[in-house]
Amino acid sequence: MSYHPVNLALRFLLELTVLFAAVYWGWVTSGEWSRYLWAIFLPLILAAVWGIFAVPHDPSRSGKTVVAVPGWTRLVIELFFFALGFWFIHGSIGPLVANIFSVIVFAHYVVSYERIKWLLKQS
């Protein structure tokens, strides 16, 4: 199973969008000193969870993982990650941009249906 490089690049851009949205949300919605904590640590925690928990031999990633999880768990992590991105964008920029983001995420997963099937078969 191989993945189209454009779809992989799109997923990478979506991941970066969530991390930047977390920074921006933390900055604009927090108090004077706490904005630094939110803007720094929230994206770091999200990036760590994204990178640490993976399905071994996932061909859309390096195939390596720190903590091996079943495919359905990885799919839940991804969906929660992108849902948080929607929430961050909605709360800091607005619903229009958040809805556009969610449509792009949905389209990415529609195009990635083979990966979803593969993830659901991994136990």
Protein backbone atom coordinates (compact mmCIF):
# COMPACT_ATOMS: atom_id res chain seq x y z
CA MET A 1 0.00 0.00 0.00
CA SER A 2 1.50 3.30 -1.06
CA TYR A 3 0.26 6.81 -0.48
CA HIS A 4 0.18 9.67 -2.87
CA PRO A 5 2.80 12.26 -1.91
CA VAL A 6 0.28 15.10 -2.29
CA ASN A 7 -2.03 13.47 0.26
CA LEU A 8 0.87 12.92 2.65
CA ALA A 9 1.89 16.55 2.22
CA LEU A 10 -1.71 17.61 2.88
CA ARG A 11 -1.79 15.58 6.09
CA PHE A 12 1.49 17.18 7.18
CA LEU A 13 0.07 20.65 6.51
CA LEU A 14 -3.06 19.75 8.47
CA GLU A 15 -0.90 18.59 11.38
CA LEU A 16 1.06 21.85 11.31
CA THR A 17 -2.20 23.80 11.12
CA VAL A 18 -3.40 22.15 14.34
CA LEU A 19 -0.13 22.95 16.10
CA PHE A 20 -0.13 26.59 14.93
CA ALA A 21 -3.83 26.88 15.85
CA ALA A 22 -2.99 25.61 19.34
CA VAL A 23 -0.29 28.27 19.68
CA TYR A 24 -2.58 31.02 18.43
CA TRP A 25 -5.54 29.88 20.57
CA GLY A 26 -3.34 29.71 23.64
CA TRP A 27 -2.00 33.17 22.96
CA VAL A 28 -5.25 35.01 22.24
CA THR A 29 -7.54 33.34 24.78
CA SER A 30 -5.31 33.35 27.86
CA GLY A 31 -4.25 35.91 30.43
CA GLU A 32 -1.07 37.90 30.47
CA TRP A 33 1.43 35.35 31.80
CA SER A 34 -0.55 32.15 31.15
CA ARG A 35 -0.60 32.80 27.40
CA TYR A 36 3.10 31.89 27.32
CA LEU A 37 2.40 28.55 29.00
CA TRP A 38 -0.51 27.70 26.71
CA ALA A 39 1.25 28.84 23.54
CA ILE A 40 4.39 26.83 24.34
CA PHE A 41 3.27 23.70 26.15
CA LEU A 42 -0.03 22.92 24.43
CA PRO A 43 1.49 22.37 20.97
CA LEU A 44 4.41 20.49 22.51
CA ILE A 45 2.05 18.08 24.26
CA LEU A 46 -0.01 17.62 21.10
CA ALA A 47 3.09 16.99 18.98
CA ALA A 48 4.40 14.50 21.54
CA VAL A 49 1.15 12.52 21.60
CA TRP A 50 1.02 12.58 17.80
CA GLY A 51 4.57 11.28 17.49
CA ILE A 52 4.73 8.83 20.38
CA PHE A 53 1.56 6.78 19.87
CA ALA A 54 1.55 5.01 16.51
CA VAL A 55 0.84 1.72 14.83
CA PRO A 56 4.02 -0.24 14.10
CA HIS A 57 4.88 -0.46 10.40
CA ASP A 58 2.41 2.28 9.41
CA PRO A 59 3.40 2.92 5.79
CA SER A 60 2.15 6.51 5.97
CA ARG A 61 4.69 7.22 8.70
CA SER A 62 8.24 6.07 9.31
CA GLY A 63 6.94 2.72 10.52
CA LYS A 64 8.67 3.22 13.86
CA THR A 65 6.96 4.02 17.12
CA VAL A 66 7.75 4.71 20.76
CA VAL A 67 4.45 3.33 22.07
CA ALA A 68 2.69 0.81 19.85
CA VAL A 69 -1.08 1.17 19.79
CA PRO A 70 -3.82 -0.67 17.90
CA GLY A 71 -5.01 0.90 14.67
CA TRP A 72 -8.37 1.96 16.07
CA THR A 73 -6.60 3.76 18.92
CA ARG A 74 -4.40 5.65 16.47
CA LEU A 75 -7.45 6.60 14.45
CA VAL A 76 -9.16 7.95 17.58
CA ILE A 77 -6.01 9.93 18.46
CA GLU A 78 -5.93 11.43 14.98
CA LEU A 79 -9.62 12.32 14.98
CA PHE A 80 -9.33 13.87 18.45
CA PHE A 81 -6.23 15.81 17.33
CA PHE A 82 -8.05 17.27 14.33
CA ALA A 83 -11.19 17.93 16.40
CA LEU A 84 -9.03 19.95 18.79
CA GLY A 85 -7.68 21.82 15.77
CA PHE A 86 -11.24 22.65 14.75
CA TRP A 87 -11.98 23.83 18.27
CA PHE A 88 -8.82 25.97 18.45
CA ILE A 89 -9.56 27.59 15.09
CA HIS A 90 -13.22 28.12 15.91
CA GLY A 91 -12.37 29.68 19.27
CA SER A 92 -9.63 31.98 18.06
CA ILE A 93 -10.31 32.78 14.41
CA GLY A 94 -13.95 31.92 13.78
CA PRO A 95 -16.42 29.32 12.56
CA LEU A 96 -15.93 29.89 8.83
CA VAL A 97 -12.22 29.04 8.89
CA ALA A 98 -12.88 26.16 11.30
CA ASN A 99 -15.50 24.71 8.97
CA ILE A 100 -13.17 25.01 5.98
CA PHE A 101 -10.50 23.21 8.01
CA SER A 102 -12.92 20.41 8.90
CA VAL A 103 -13.97 19.96 5.27
CA ILE A 104 -10.31 19.62 4.24
CA VAL A 105 -9.68 17.10 7.05
CA PHE A 106 -12.76 15.12 5.97
CA ALA A 107 -11.61 15.14 2.34
CA HIS A 108 -8.18 13.93 3.43
CA TYR A 109 -9.70 10.97 5.26
CA VAL A 110 -12.01 10.17 2.32
CA VAL A 111 -8.97 10.00 0.05
CA SER A 112 -7.15 7.95 2.73
CA TYR A 113 -9.85 5.27 2.97
CA GLU A 114 -7.31 2.49 2.32
CA ARG A 115 -5.25 3.65 5.29
CA ILE A 116 -8.35 3.75 7.48
CA LYS A 117 -9.19 0.16 6.46
CA TRP A 118 -5.58 -0.83 7.21
CA LEU A 119 -5.66 0.88 10.61
CA LEU A 120 -8.91 -0.84 11.58
CA LYS A 121 -7.41 -4.25 10.70
CA GLN A 122 -4.39 -3.68 12.99
CA SER A 123 -4.91 -4.98 16.50
